[in-house]
Amino acid sequence: MMKTSGELRAQLLSLDRKSYPAYKSLAGAWQFPQYCLAIDHVQGDPFASPSSIHVEIPLDRAGFPESYLEKDCSRIALQDYLTRQLGKQFNQYNFKAKGSGKSGLLSVSRCGQEVLERSACEIGRKLTARFQIGFPAFGRTINAGELEKILFDFLPRCIEKSLFYRNINQKEAEQAVFLAEDQEEIRRLLRKNGWTAFVANGAVLPRATGVSDLPMAGSVPFTSPASLKQTIVLPHRGPVAGMAIRQGVTLIVGGGYHGKSTLLKAIQSGVYNHVAGDGREYVITDETAVKLRAEDGRSVRRVDISLFINDLPNKKDTRVFSTQDASGSTSQAAGLVESMEASSRLFLIDEDTSATNFMVRDDLMQRVIGREKEPITPFIERARDFYEKTGISTIMVAGSSGAFFYIADTILQMDCYRAIDITERVKALCEAHPMSASWPREFEVPDFSRTLPAFSGKNAGDGRRAQRGVRDGEKGGREAYGVREHMKVKSFGVESFSLDKENVDVRYLEQLADSEQTAALAYLLRFAIEQVLDGKKSVRQTVKILTGRLDKEGWEPFCPGYVPCGLARPREQEIFAALNRFRG
């Protein structure tokens, strides 16, 4: 039988003044009047990472309307709202219990502007909230009285005020759910109408600073060009007007500091829903969109980059290309093909972060260095075929080369943060100034079905095989990865994580929005290495297994022992990208 809260109090008080490790005897589940409290992991000393705790509340007792839980978008929005409310309550009691080290700390996930699915709060058959508590100590001895204060006074108040429908601001919760449902409706309309993104009139795109994702005060609100303006009707907000970017090749141009990259960054962030007041609530992008850029020095494993690179002087086969130190152009080519493998329907590219020789070769360079001497086929010669042959659109920021005007379907000029549709004017100029004769008038059409079997309708398992690799190291210079029980995982902010001694650099995955997504990638890759990779499954099959288990069973399969607070679900595209950057 589950022990009661009274038994927990008695056991806790019996530990007073004992050595700190005696706290570990409290691990387990304890029944409180309104919820079950589980102590999952007890910190080793007061200066270590805080203890992991979770509470479980029956849904009928929590009392939330069933309509809030029927759709995934509504449920995730409610989970996000409750996590934020619990955080606000914790702030009132944080470190009010005294002691050494992290004594008295109460913490839960700090949510940013994006609405993400987190381990901090999950609503399934019951409501589960996970958080951390710093167990109080005198030096390194137990301070039972202060922990009693947390568990029997502070914590019940926080839970009662933040996780029960009767006590929260019901109107705020409703608005959070309604906003998510409106955002989901825009995503449906993107697919229905053949749009890649929607940017609402009045949206605030600039951020406060380079290190703050809050909206910039006093910035110019977005206004759609009349030619691209669409008015959509949302189930709760009603009519919303804005710019609908059509499928195809879209070019964003303009002078420096006029808002080109700001618009693109808002679009790349539009793969996530945003909270009310963010300014980008109704900036919605195809959820499979991938921001591509050059990544000098990254690892590339068995990728067919022959769409872009062929006939290397060293005769290396670019149809199955591998390197531990990719150049800018090679890394961008690999990233693009890997994104195709990840089923991306939209490429986002900023010229500023791209390899110049990968993007375009100007007329004079083609005259000086003939095509037969240049192994790189630039992106400009492939962009239209990506759309026409595979349905993959491109939105690109360009500022230095007018060559892209010739292949664009839509051309936007950003002028003092105002968008102007200059497509017709530029197309007229293109007709008056045709491409130089040194440019091929009809680009060679690549065989996409060979590069990526999925586009030819073949089984998704026909792609690259995913297997445990080898690394340079001990014993003859090679050490094979075998099945390891619970490799050690550690994350370093949003930029990287490690599996045992292998570091995975994800700093250039610009659509990772939160360090908790990076932490989750570490857990997902560890599970893949330990449980999935066998040399027979493809990369696509591997990712589908991971996301399928996550959909069906939540975080439990990926977290041996207990599920910690501090994980946020990444997109499939980032899981693919992390696997592709794992050098092991």
Protein backbone atom coordinates (compact mmCIF):
# COMPACT_ATOMS: atom_id res chain seq x y z
CA MET A 1 0.00 0.00 0.00
CA MET A 2 1.10 3.58 -0.69
CA LYS A 3 2.32 5.36 2.41
CA THR A 4 0.47 8.40 3.68
CA SER A 5 1.60 11.99 4.08
CA GLY A 6 1.45 11.49 7.85
CA GLU A 7 3.96 8.66 7.59
CA LEU A 8 6.17 10.88 5.43
CA ARG A 9 6.12 13.58 8.09
CA ALA A 10 7.01 11.13 10.84
CA GLN A 11 9.83 9.56 8.84
CA LEU A 12 11.19 12.96 7.84
CA LEU A 13 11.30 14.24 11.43
CA SER A 14 13.10 11.07 12.52
CA LEU A 15 15.95 12.01 10.15
CA ASP A 16 16.62 15.42 11.67
CA ARG A 17 20.32 16.15 12.17
CA LYS A 18 21.39 12.89 10.56
CA SER A 19 23.93 12.75 7.75
CA TYR A 20 22.55 14.21 4.51
CA PRO A 21 22.51 10.88 2.55
CA ALA A 22 19.83 9.63 4.97
CA TYR A 23 17.37 11.75 2.99
CA LYS A 24 17.45 8.98 0.37
CA SER A 25 15.15 6.89 2.57
CA LEU A 26 12.34 9.29 1.62
CA ALA A 27 12.35 8.15 -2.01
CA GLY A 28 9.02 6.72 -3.09
CA ALA A 29 5.35 7.68 -3.37
CA TRP A 30 3.31 9.35 -0.62
CA GLN A 31 -0.41 10.00 -0.66
CA PHE A 32 -1.51 13.53 0.24
CA PRO A 33 -5.21 14.52 0.48
CA GLN A 34 -5.38 16.08 -3.01
CA TYR A 35 -2.52 14.39 -4.83
CA CYS A 36 0.18 11.75 -4.78
CA LEU A 37 3.71 13.10 -4.19
CA ALA A 38 6.62 11.02 -5.51
CA ILE A 39 10.23 11.66 -4.53
CA ASP A 40 12.02 10.25 -7.58
CA HIS A 41 15.64 11.14 -6.86
CA VAL A 42 17.33 12.59 -3.79
CA GLN A 43 20.41 14.75 -4.28
CA GLY A 44 23.65 13.44 -2.80
CA ASP A 45 24.48 16.61 -0.86
CA PRO A 46 23.00 20.12 -0.52
CA PHE A 47 25.36 21.49 -3.18
CA ALA A 48 24.41 18.90 -5.84
CA SER A 49 21.61 19.16 -8.40
CA PRO A 50 18.29 19.48 -6.53
CA SER A 51 16.07 16.50 -5.80
CA SER A 52 13.54 15.45 -8.45
CA ILE A 53 9.89 15.37 -7.42
CA HIS A 54 6.59 14.88 -9.17
CA VAL A 55 2.94 15.04 -8.19
CA GLU A 56 0.03 13.18 -9.75
CA ILE A 57 -3.53 14.52 -9.63
CA PRO A 58 -6.57 12.56 -10.89
CA LEU A 59 -8.19 14.39 -13.79
CA ASP A 60 -11.63 14.46 -12.19
CA ARG A 61 -10.11 16.12 -9.15
CA ALA A 62 -8.09 18.63 -11.19
CA GLY A 63 -11.36 19.57 -12.85
CA PHE A 64 -10.30 20.88 -16.25
CA PRO A 65 -12.92 20.95 -19.03
CA GLU A 66 -12.76 17.88 -21.26
CA SER A 67 -12.78 20.13 -24.33
CA TYR A 68 -9.32 21.41 -23.32
CA LEU A 69 -7.92 17.89 -23.63
CA GLU A 70 -9.54 16.67 -26.84
CA LYS A 71 -6.97 18.13 -29.26
CA ASP A 72 -3.19 17.87 -28.94
CA CYS A 73 -2.74 21.60 -29.53
CA SER A 74 -5.23 22.46 -26.74
CA ARG A 75 -3.73 19.99 -24.29
CA ILE A 76 -0.17 21.19 -24.92
CA ALA A 77 -1.27 24.82 -24.52
CA LEU A 78 -2.93 23.97 -21.20
CA GLN A 79 0.17 22.09 -20.01
CA ASP A 80 2.30 25.10 -20.93
CA TYR A 81 -0.06 27.47 -19.09
CA LEU A 82 -0.03 25.33 -15.93
CA THR A 83 3.77 25.08 -15.98
CA ARG A 84 4.00 28.86 -16.09
CA GLN A 85 1.50 29.19 -13.23
CA LEU A 86 3.41 26.69 -11.08
CA GLY A 87 6.60 28.65 -11.77
CA LYS A 88 4.95 31.87 -10.59
CA GLN A 89 3.86 30.20 -7.36
CA PHE A 90 7.32 28.75 -6.77
CA ASN A 91 8.84 32.21 -7.13
CA GLN A 92 6.96 33.29 -4.02
CA TYR A 93 8.48 30.54 -1.88
CA ASN A 94 11.88 30.00 -3.49
CA PHE A 95 14.66 29.83 -0.85
CA LYS A 96 12.27 30.77 1.98
CA ALA A 97 13.34 27.54 3.63
CA LYS A 98 16.88 28.18 4.85
CA GLY A 99 20.02 26.12 4.77
CA SER A 100 23.31 25.57 2.98
CA GLY A 101 23.86 25.07 -0.74
CA LYS A 102 20.64 24.71 -2.73
CA SER A 103 18.52 24.35 0.40
CA GLY A 104 15.02 25.70 -0.14
CA LEU A 105 15.18 25.90 -3.92
CA LEU A 106 11.85 25.33 -5.70
CA SER A 107 12.14 25.21 -9.49
CA VAL A 108 10.25 24.12 -12.56
CA SER A 109 10.88 24.64 -16.28
CA ARG A 110 11.22 28.27 -17.33
CA CYS A 111 9.06 28.59 -20.40
CA GLY A 112 10.05 31.00 -23.14
CA GLN A 113 7.92 32.60 -25.86
CA GLU A 114 7.24 29.28 -27.59
CA VAL A 115 4.59 26.80 -26.46
CA LEU A 116 6.43 23.47 -26.19
CA GLU A 117 5.47 20.02 -24.99
CA ARG A 118 7.49 19.55 -21.79
CA SER A 119 8.09 16.85 -19.20
CA ALA A 120 7.34 19.49 -16.53
CA CYS A 121 3.61 19.01 -17.03
CA GLU A 122 1.82 16.17 -18.77
CA ILE A 123 -1.90 15.50 -18.95
CA GLY A 124 -2.86 11.97 -19.88
CA ARG A 125 -4.85 9.62 -17.68
CA LYS A 126 -3.85 11.98 -14.87
CA LEU A 127 -2.17 15.34 -14.47
CA THR A 128 1.54 14.99 -13.71
CA ALA A 129 3.74 17.92 -12.71
CA ARG A 130 7.52 17.52 -12.30
CA PHE A 131 9.88 19.92 -10.56
CA GLN A 132 12.93 20.16 -8.32
CA ILE A 133 13.38 20.88 -4.64
CA GLY A 134 16.62 21.60 -2.81
CA PHE A 135 16.40 19.52 0.37
CA PRO A 136 17.54 21.75 3.27
CA ALA A 137 20.64 21.06 5.34
CA PHE A 138 22.76 22.40 8.20
CA GLY A 139 26.12 22.14 6.46
CA ARG A 140 25.84 18.50 5.38
CA THR A 141 23.36 17.33 7.98
CA ILE A 142 19.60 17.08 7.51
CA ASN A 143 17.40 20.06 8.37
CA ALA A 144 14.09 18.21 8.66
CA GLY A 145 12.10 21.15 9.95
CA GLU A 146 12.76 23.24 6.85
CA LEU A 147 11.91 20.39 4.47
CA GLU A 148 8.72 19.77 6.45
CA LYS A 149 7.85 23.43 5.84
CA ILE A 150 8.36 22.95 2.08
CA LEU A 151 6.49 19.65 1.69
CA PHE A 152 3.58 20.37 4.03
CA ASP A 153 3.14 24.14 3.72
CA PHE A 154 4.76 25.78 0.68
CA LEU A 155 4.26 22.98 -1.86
CA PRO A 156 0.55 22.27 -1.12
CA ARG A 157 -0.20 25.97 -1.51
CA CYS A 158 1.63 26.15 -4.85
CA ILE A 159 -0.07 23.05 -6.21
CA GLU A 160 -3.52 24.08 -5.01
CA LYS A 161 -3.25 27.52 -6.62
CA SER A 162 -1.74 26.44 -9.95
CA LEU A 163 -2.91 22.92 -10.86
CA PHE A 164 -6.60 22.88 -9.92
CA TYR A 165 -9.06 24.45 -12.33
CA ARG A 166 -11.20 25.93 -9.56
CA ASN A 167 -8.30 28.08 -8.31
CA ILE A 168 -6.61 29.33 -11.48
CA ASN A 169 -7.55 32.28 -13.65
CA GLN A 170 -10.03 30.37 -15.80
CA LYS A 171 -10.35 33.11 -18.41
CA GLU A 172 -6.56 33.16 -18.96
CA ALA A 173 -6.49 29.38 -19.30
CA GLU A 174 -9.33 29.52 -21.81
CA GLN A 175 -7.56 32.19 -23.86
CA ALA A 176 -4.36 30.10 -23.95
CA VAL A 177 -6.33 27.11 -25.26
CA PHE A 178 -8.32 29.20 -27.75
CA LEU A 179 -5.15 30.82 -29.09
CA ALA A 180 -3.60 27.38 -29.70
CA GLU A 181 -6.73 26.25 -31.55
CA ASP A 182 -6.61 29.37 -33.72
CA GLN A 183 -2.93 28.74 -34.48
CA GLU A 184 -3.69 25.16 -35.41
CA GLU A 185 -6.41 26.39 -37.76
CA ILE A 186 -3.88 28.60 -39.55
CA ARG A 187 -1.63 25.56 -40.02
CA ARG A 188 -4.57 23.71 -41.57
CA LEU A 189 -5.22 26.63 -43.90
CA LEU A 190 -1.54 26.66 -44.98
CA ARG A 191 -1.86 23.08 -46.17
CA LYS A 192 -5.29 23.65 -47.76
CA ASN A 193 -4.37 26.82 -49.66
CA GLY A 194 -0.85 26.00 -50.80
CA TRP A 195 0.87 28.55 -48.54
CA THR A 196 4.20 28.12 -46.79
CA ALA A 197 3.72 30.82 -44.14
CA PHE A 198 1.27 33.40 -42.86
CA VAL A 199 2.31 36.67 -41.22
CA ALA A 200 -0.57 38.59 -39.65
CA ASN A 201 -0.99 42.33 -39.96
CA GLY A 202 0.02 44.00 -36.72
CA ALA A 203 2.56 41.30 -35.85
CA VAL A 204 5.62 42.53 -33.93
CA LEU A 205 8.61 40.78 -35.52
CA PRO A 206 11.73 42.46 -34.01
CA ARG A 207 12.94 41.15 -30.65
CA ALA A 208 13.92 43.37 -27.72
CA THR A 209 17.66 42.57 -27.92
CA GLY A 210 19.98 39.98 -29.37
CA VAL A 211 19.71 37.99 -26.14
CA SER A 212 16.02 38.59 -25.39
CA ASP A 213 13.17 36.94 -27.26
CA LEU A 214 10.63 39.43 -25.94
CA PRO A 215 8.98 41.78 -28.47
CA MET A 216 10.70 45.10 -29.14
CA ALA A 217 8.77 48.05 -27.79
CA GLY A 218 7.98 50.76 -30.35
CA SER A 219 8.81 48.65 -33.39
CA VAL A 220 7.00 48.93 -36.73
CA PRO A 221 4.03 46.50 -36.85
CA PHE A 222 3.95 44.24 -39.88
CA THR A 223 1.63 45.11 -42.76
CA SER A 224 1.04 42.84 -45.72
CA PRO A 225 1.46 44.06 -49.30
CA ALA A 226 -1.99 44.30 -50.88
CA SER A 227 -1.10 41.70 -53.54
CA LEU A 228 -0.32 39.04 -50.93
CA LYS A 229 -2.98 39.98 -48.40
CA GLN A 230 -5.39 37.26 -47.33
CA THR A 231 -8.11 37.37 -44.68
CA ILE A 232 -8.74 34.16 -42.79
CA VAL A 233 -11.46 33.41 -40.27
CA LEU A 234 -10.35 31.71 -37.07
CA PRO A 235 -12.71 29.83 -34.73
CA HIS A 236 -12.11 32.14 -31.75
CA ARG A 237 -10.33 35.29 -32.94
CA GLY A 238 -12.51 35.66 -36.04
CA PRO A 239 -11.17 37.47 -39.15
CA VAL A 240 -7.41 38.00 -39.29
CA ALA A 241 -5.71 39.67 -42.26
CA GLY A 242 -2.08 39.15 -43.18
CA MET A 243 0.49 38.11 -45.75
CA ALA A 244 0.20 34.60 -47.16
CA ILE A 245 3.46 33.42 -48.75
CA ARG A 246 2.66 31.03 -51.56
CA GLN A 247 4.52 27.82 -52.26
CA GLY A 248 7.41 28.13 -54.70
CA VAL A 249 10.58 30.23 -54.53
CA THR A 250 10.22 33.42 -52.48
CA LEU A 251 12.98 36.02 -52.32
CA ILE A 252 13.30 38.62 -49.56
CA VAL A 253 15.53 41.56 -50.54
CA GLY A 254 16.26 45.09 -49.37
CA GLY A 255 18.98 47.26 -47.93
CA GLY A 256 20.96 46.40 -44.82
CA TYR A 257 19.12 46.81 -41.49
CA HIS A 258 15.73 47.14 -43.21
CA GLY A 259 14.27 43.93 -41.74
CA LYS A 260 15.06 41.10 -44.17
CA SER A 261 16.59 38.75 -41.60
CA THR A 262 14.06 39.84 -38.98
CA LEU A 263 11.23 38.64 -41.21
CA LEU A 264 13.01 35.37 -41.96
CA LYS A 265 13.70 34.75 -38.26
CA ALA A 266 10.05 35.28 -37.46
CA ILE A 267 9.11 32.83 -40.20
CA GLN A 268 11.61 30.19 -38.98
CA SER A 269 10.23 30.56 -35.45
CA GLY A 270 6.71 30.16 -36.82
CA VAL A 271 7.10 26.38 -36.77
CA TYR A 272 6.12 26.77 -33.08
CA ASN A 273 3.08 28.34 -31.48
CA HIS A 274 3.77 31.44 -29.38
CA VAL A 275 2.15 32.78 -26.24
CA ALA A 276 -0.18 35.75 -26.16
CA GLY A 277 1.70 39.05 -26.12
CA ASP A 278 4.70 37.69 -28.02
CA GLY A 279 3.84 39.67 -31.14
CA ARG A 280 4.22 36.60 -33.36
CA GLU A 281 1.10 34.74 -32.19
CA TYR A 282 -0.25 34.69 -35.75
CA VAL A 283 3.04 34.18 -37.58
CA ILE A 284 2.65 30.55 -38.62
CA THR A 285 4.95 28.51 -40.85
CA ASP A 286 4.83 25.04 -42.37
CA GLU A 287 5.85 22.91 -39.39
CA THR A 288 8.44 20.97 -41.43
CA ALA A 289 10.40 24.10 -42.44
CA VAL A 290 14.17 23.89 -41.92
CA LYS A 291 16.62 26.78 -41.66
CA LEU A 292 19.72 25.84 -43.65
CA ARG A 293 23.18 27.35 -43.28
CA ALA A 294 26.86 26.58 -43.69
CA GLU A 295 28.45 24.63 -40.81
CA ASP A 296 32.20 24.51 -41.29
CA GLY A 297 33.76 21.53 -39.55
CA ARG A 298 30.66 19.40 -39.02
CA SER A 299 30.56 15.65 -39.50
CA VAL A 300 28.81 14.24 -42.57
CA ARG A 301 27.97 10.52 -42.79
CA ARG A 302 27.13 8.71 -46.03
CA VAL A 303 25.08 11.51 -47.62
CA ASP A 304 24.39 11.76 -51.35
CA ILE A 305 25.43 15.34 -52.14
CA SER A 306 25.83 14.70 -55.88
CA LEU A 307 22.96 17.10 -56.60
CA PHE A 308 25.44 19.85 -55.78
CA ILE A 309 28.97 18.44 -55.75
CA ASN A 310 30.55 16.11 -58.31
CA ASP A 311 33.86 15.30 -59.98
CA LEU A 312 36.07 16.13 -57.02
CA PRO A 313 39.80 16.21 -57.84
CA ASN A 314 40.42 13.41 -55.33
CA LYS A 315 37.74 11.27 -57.09
CA LYS A 316 35.78 10.87 -53.84
CA ASP A 317 32.31 9.45 -54.43
CA THR A 318 29.82 12.21 -53.59
CA ARG A 319 26.87 9.83 -53.83
CA VAL A 320 27.92 8.31 -50.49
CA PHE A 321 29.89 11.16 -49.03
CA SER A 322 31.47 11.20 -45.57
CA THR A 323 33.83 13.60 -43.86
CA GLN A 324 34.70 14.58 -40.29
CA ASP A 325 35.47 18.19 -41.27
CA ALA A 326 33.06 19.52 -43.89
CA SER A 327 33.62 22.80 -45.68
CA GLY A 328 30.95 25.48 -45.77
CA SER A 329 29.60 24.44 -49.16
CA THR A 330 29.78 20.71 -48.42
CA SER A 331 28.06 21.10 -45.04
CA GLN A 332 25.26 23.16 -46.56
CA ALA A 333 24.75 20.65 -49.36
CA ALA A 334 24.61 17.82 -46.83
CA GLY A 335 22.21 19.75 -44.61
CA LEU A 336 19.88 20.33 -47.52
CA VAL A 337 19.81 16.68 -48.58
CA GLU A 338 19.39 15.56 -44.95
CA SER A 339 16.41 17.93 -44.66
CA MET A 340 14.87 16.26 -47.69
CA GLU A 341 15.33 12.96 -45.87
CA ALA A 342 13.56 14.51 -42.87
CA SER A 343 10.54 15.29 -45.09
CA SER A 344 10.94 19.05 -45.01
CA ARG A 345 8.59 20.89 -47.35
CA LEU A 346 10.22 24.30 -46.94
CA PHE A 347 13.84 25.50 -46.97
CA LEU A 348 14.70 28.76 -45.23
CA ILE A 349 18.02 30.33 -46.25
CA ASP A 350 19.76 33.56 -45.34
CA GLU A 351 22.57 34.57 -47.67
CA ASP A 352 24.50 36.00 -44.69
CA THR A 353 24.95 32.54 -43.12
CA SER A 354 25.42 30.58 -46.33
CA ALA A 355 28.52 29.49 -48.22
CA THR A 356 28.80 31.92 -51.13
CA ASN A 357 30.14 29.35 -53.60
CA PHE A 358 27.27 27.01 -52.72
CA MET A 359 24.61 29.63 -53.45
CA VAL A 360 25.62 31.23 -56.76
CA ARG A 361 28.45 31.82 -59.25
CA ASP A 362 28.40 35.15 -61.04
CA ASP A 363 28.90 35.68 -64.76
CA LEU A 364 32.55 36.73 -64.62
CA MET A 365 33.53 33.82 -62.38
CA GLN A 366 31.90 31.39 -64.81
CA ARG A 367 33.88 32.95 -67.64
CA VAL A 368 37.19 32.68 -65.76
CA ILE A 369 36.61 29.24 -64.19
CA GLY A 370 34.64 27.10 -66.62
CA ARG A 371 31.90 24.76 -65.47
CA GLU A 372 34.04 21.74 -66.27
CA LYS A 373 36.55 22.92 -63.64
CA GLU A 374 34.01 23.65 -60.92
CA PRO A 375 32.65 20.61 -59.00
CA ILE A 376 29.94 22.65 -57.27
CA THR A 377 26.53 23.11 -58.86
CA PRO A 378 25.18 26.17 -57.01
CA PHE A 379 21.82 26.20 -55.27
CA ILE A 380 20.45 28.72 -57.77
CA GLU A 381 20.51 26.00 -60.42
CA ARG A 382 18.53 23.59 -58.24
CA ALA A 383 15.99 25.74 -56.37
CA ARG A 384 13.28 25.65 -59.03
CA ASP A 385 13.62 21.91 -59.51
CA PHE A 386 13.24 21.35 -55.79
CA TYR A 387 9.81 22.93 -56.02
CA GLU A 388 8.72 21.62 -59.40
CA LYS A 389 9.99 18.04 -58.95
CA THR A 390 9.60 17.46 -55.21
CA GLY A 391 7.22 20.18 -53.99
CA ILE A 392 9.81 21.71 -51.65
CA SER A 393 9.54 25.49 -51.47
CA THR A 394 12.27 27.99 -50.59
CA ILE A 395 12.15 31.32 -48.76
CA MET A 396 15.49 33.07 -49.06
CA VAL A 397 17.03 36.35 -47.95
CA ALA A 398 19.41 37.78 -50.56
CA GLY A 399 21.24 41.07 -50.70
CA SER A 400 24.30 40.76 -52.90
CA SER A 401 23.31 38.94 -56.09
CA GLY A 402 20.44 39.70 -58.45
CA ALA A 403 20.77 36.29 -60.10
CA PHE A 404 18.07 34.86 -57.82
CA PHE A 405 15.51 37.25 -59.31
CA TYR A 406 15.37 35.04 -62.41
CA ILE A 407 14.13 31.96 -60.54
CA ALA A 408 11.84 33.56 -57.92
CA ASP A 409 8.05 33.28 -57.97
CA THR A 410 7.57 36.03 -55.37
CA ILE A 411 9.94 38.88 -54.53
CA LEU A 412 9.49 40.91 -51.35
CA GLN A 413 11.41 44.07 -50.57
CA MET A 414 11.82 45.08 -46.94
CA ASP A 415 11.96 48.87 -46.69
CA CYS A 416 12.20 50.29 -43.15
CA TYR A 417 10.55 47.09 -41.85
CA ARG A 418 7.70 47.41 -44.34
CA ALA A 419 7.09 44.63 -46.87
CA ILE A 420 6.58 45.59 -50.52
CA ASP A 421 5.74 43.14 -53.30
CA ILE A 422 8.08 44.04 -56.16
CA THR A 423 7.61 40.84 -58.17
CA GLU A 424 6.10 42.40 -61.29
CA ARG A 425 8.60 45.24 -61.44
CA VAL A 426 11.59 42.94 -61.04
CA LYS A 427 10.27 40.41 -63.57
CA ALA A 428 9.99 43.24 -66.10
CA LEU A 429 13.61 44.16 -65.40
CA CYS A 430 14.65 40.53 -65.82
CA GLU A 431 13.04 40.42 -69.26
CA ALA A 432 14.83 43.63 -70.21
CA HIS A 433 18.15 42.27 -68.89
CA PRO A 434 18.25 38.54 -69.68
CA MET A 435 20.83 36.21 -68.20
CA SER A 436 24.27 36.31 -69.78
CA ALA A 437 25.00 33.73 -72.45
CA SER A 438 27.54 32.16 -70.09
CA TRP A 439 24.67 31.07 -67.87
CA PRO A 440 22.93 27.83 -68.82
CA ARG A 441 19.44 28.78 -69.94
CA GLU A 442 18.06 25.39 -69.03
CA PHE A 443 19.60 23.88 -65.95
CA GLU A 444 20.20 20.16 -65.89
CA VAL A 445 17.29 18.44 -64.14
CA PRO A 446 18.62 16.12 -61.41
CA ASP A 447 17.33 12.63 -60.71
CA PHE A 448 15.70 13.23 -57.34
CA SER A 449 14.38 9.68 -57.15
CA ARG A 450 17.95 8.34 -57.03
CA THR A 451 19.06 10.87 -54.45
CA LEU A 452 16.13 10.25 -52.14
CA PRO A 453 14.01 7.15 -52.78
CA ALA A 454 11.09 8.59 -50.79
CA PHE A 455 10.33 11.02 -53.60
CA SER A 456 9.82 8.19 -56.06
CA GLY A 457 7.19 6.61 -53.86
CA LYS A 458 9.41 3.78 -52.63
CA ASN A 459 9.40 2.48 -49.10
CA ALA A 460 10.68 5.02 -46.57
CA GLY A 461 13.12 2.43 -45.32
CA ASP A 462 15.17 2.63 -48.51
CA GLY A 463 17.25 5.54 -47.27
CA ARG A 464 20.57 5.57 -45.42
CA ARG A 465 21.08 2.89 -42.82
CA ALA A 466 21.57 4.05 -39.24
CA GLN A 467 24.00 2.02 -37.17
CA ARG A 468 26.39 2.25 -34.26
CA GLY A 469 29.51 3.78 -35.68
CA VAL A 470 33.14 3.71 -34.69
CA ARG A 471 35.39 6.42 -33.35
CA ASP A 472 39.09 7.05 -33.26
CA GLY A 473 40.59 6.14 -29.94
CA GLU A 474 42.09 3.31 -28.06
CA LYS A 475 43.35 -0.13 -29.09
CA GLY A 476 44.61 0.14 -32.61
CA GLY A 477 43.01 3.47 -33.24
CA ARG A 478 39.37 2.24 -33.41
CA GLU A 479 36.83 1.58 -30.69
CA ALA A 480 33.46 0.23 -31.73
CA TYR A 481 30.30 1.44 -30.05
CA GLY A 482 28.45 -1.53 -28.64
CA VAL A 483 25.21 -1.62 -26.71
CA ARG A 484 25.80 0.37 -23.53
CA GLU A 485 23.40 0.39 -20.67
CA HIS A 486 22.46 3.95 -19.97
CA MET A 487 25.23 6.05 -21.40
CA LYS A 488 25.80 9.21 -19.40
CA VAL A 489 24.03 12.21 -20.93
CA LYS A 490 24.65 15.88 -20.31
CA SER A 491 23.42 19.01 -22.07
CA PHE A 492 25.17 22.38 -22.33
CA GLY A 493 22.47 24.97 -22.84
CA VAL A 494 20.88 25.02 -26.27
CA GLU A 495 24.16 24.54 -28.15
CA SER A 496 25.34 20.98 -27.46
CA PHE A 497 24.98 17.77 -25.50
CA SER A 498 27.18 14.78 -24.79
CA LEU A 499 26.73 11.02 -24.76
CA ASP A 500 29.47 9.57 -22.60
CA LYS A 501 32.55 11.34 -24.05
CA GLU A 502 31.02 12.13 -27.44
CA ASN A 503 29.96 15.76 -27.86
CA VAL A 504 27.17 16.61 -30.32
CA ASP A 505 27.27 20.20 -31.58
CA VAL A 506 23.80 21.53 -32.43
CA ARG A 507 24.51 25.25 -32.14
CA TYR A 508 23.69 25.84 -35.81
CA LEU A 509 20.26 24.25 -35.58
CA GLU A 510 18.68 27.68 -35.36
CA GLN A 511 15.15 26.38 -34.79
CA LEU A 512 16.00 24.78 -31.47
CA ALA A 513 14.11 27.19 -29.25
CA ASP A 514 14.94 25.95 -25.75
CA SER A 515 17.78 24.25 -23.89
CA GLU A 516 15.27 21.61 -22.74
CA GLN A 517 14.89 20.50 -26.37
CA THR A 518 18.64 19.96 -26.51
CA ALA A 519 18.47 17.92 -23.30
CA ALA A 520 15.67 15.83 -24.81
CA LEU A 521 17.77 15.17 -27.92
CA ALA A 522 20.42 13.63 -25.67
CA TYR A 523 17.88 11.23 -24.14
CA LEU A 524 16.41 10.34 -27.54
CA LEU A 525 19.80 9.63 -29.10
CA ARG A 526 20.88 7.54 -26.15
CA PHE A 527 17.75 5.43 -26.55
CA ALA A 528 18.43 5.09 -30.28
CA ILE A 529 21.99 3.90 -29.67
CA GLU A 530 21.04 1.49 -26.91
CA GLN A 531 17.75 0.15 -28.24
CA VAL A 532 17.22 0.89 -31.94
CA LEU A 533 20.37 1.08 -34.07
CA ASP A 534 21.18 -2.30 -35.58
CA GLY A 535 22.58 -1.50 -39.03
CA LYS A 536 19.32 -2.60 -40.70
CA LYS A 537 16.96 0.30 -40.02
CA SER A 538 17.23 3.50 -42.01
CA VAL A 539 17.67 6.92 -40.44
CA ARG A 540 14.03 7.63 -41.26
CA GLN A 541 12.84 4.41 -39.64
CA THR A 542 14.95 5.15 -36.57
CA VAL A 543 13.41 8.59 -36.11
CA LYS A 544 9.91 7.22 -36.67
CA ILE A 545 10.49 4.67 -33.91
CA LEU A 546 11.62 7.41 -31.53
CA THR A 547 8.69 9.72 -32.28
CA GLY A 548 6.23 6.83 -32.24
CA ARG A 549 7.31 5.75 -28.77
CA LEU A 550 7.20 9.38 -27.61
CA ASP A 551 3.66 9.78 -28.98
CA LYS A 552 2.40 6.55 -27.45
CA GLU A 553 4.28 6.25 -24.16
CA GLY A 554 5.58 9.72 -23.35
CA TRP A 555 9.02 10.26 -21.84
CA GLU A 556 9.20 7.06 -19.77
CA PRO A 557 10.95 4.78 -22.31
CA PHE A 558 13.77 7.31 -22.73
CA CYS A 559 14.41 8.03 -19.04
CA PRO A 560 15.72 5.08 -17.01
CA GLY A 561 14.55 5.21 -13.40
CA TYR A 562 12.43 8.34 -13.52
CA VAL A 563 11.40 11.15 -15.86
CA PRO A 564 13.12 14.42 -14.91
CA CYS A 565 11.74 17.90 -15.18
CA GLY A 566 13.63 19.76 -17.89
CA LEU A 567 12.82 18.03 -21.20
CA ALA A 568 10.98 19.66 -24.10
CA ARG A 569 9.99 17.84 -27.24
CA PRO A 570 12.05 18.70 -30.34
CA ARG A 571 10.65 18.46 -33.86
CA GLU A 572 11.37 15.46 -36.06
CA GLN A 573 13.65 17.68 -38.14
CA GLU A 574 15.91 18.39 -35.15
CA ILE A 575 16.02 14.69 -34.21
CA PHE A 576 17.21 13.90 -37.75
CA ALA A 577 19.76 16.71 -37.52
CA ALA A 578 21.12 15.55 -34.16
CA LEU A 579 21.54 11.98 -35.44
CA ASN A 580 23.34 13.31 -38.50
CA ARG A 581 25.75 15.34 -36.34
CA PHE A 582 26.59 12.52 -33.94
CA ARG A 583 30.14 11.56 -34.82
CA GLY A 584 29.85 8.23 -33.04
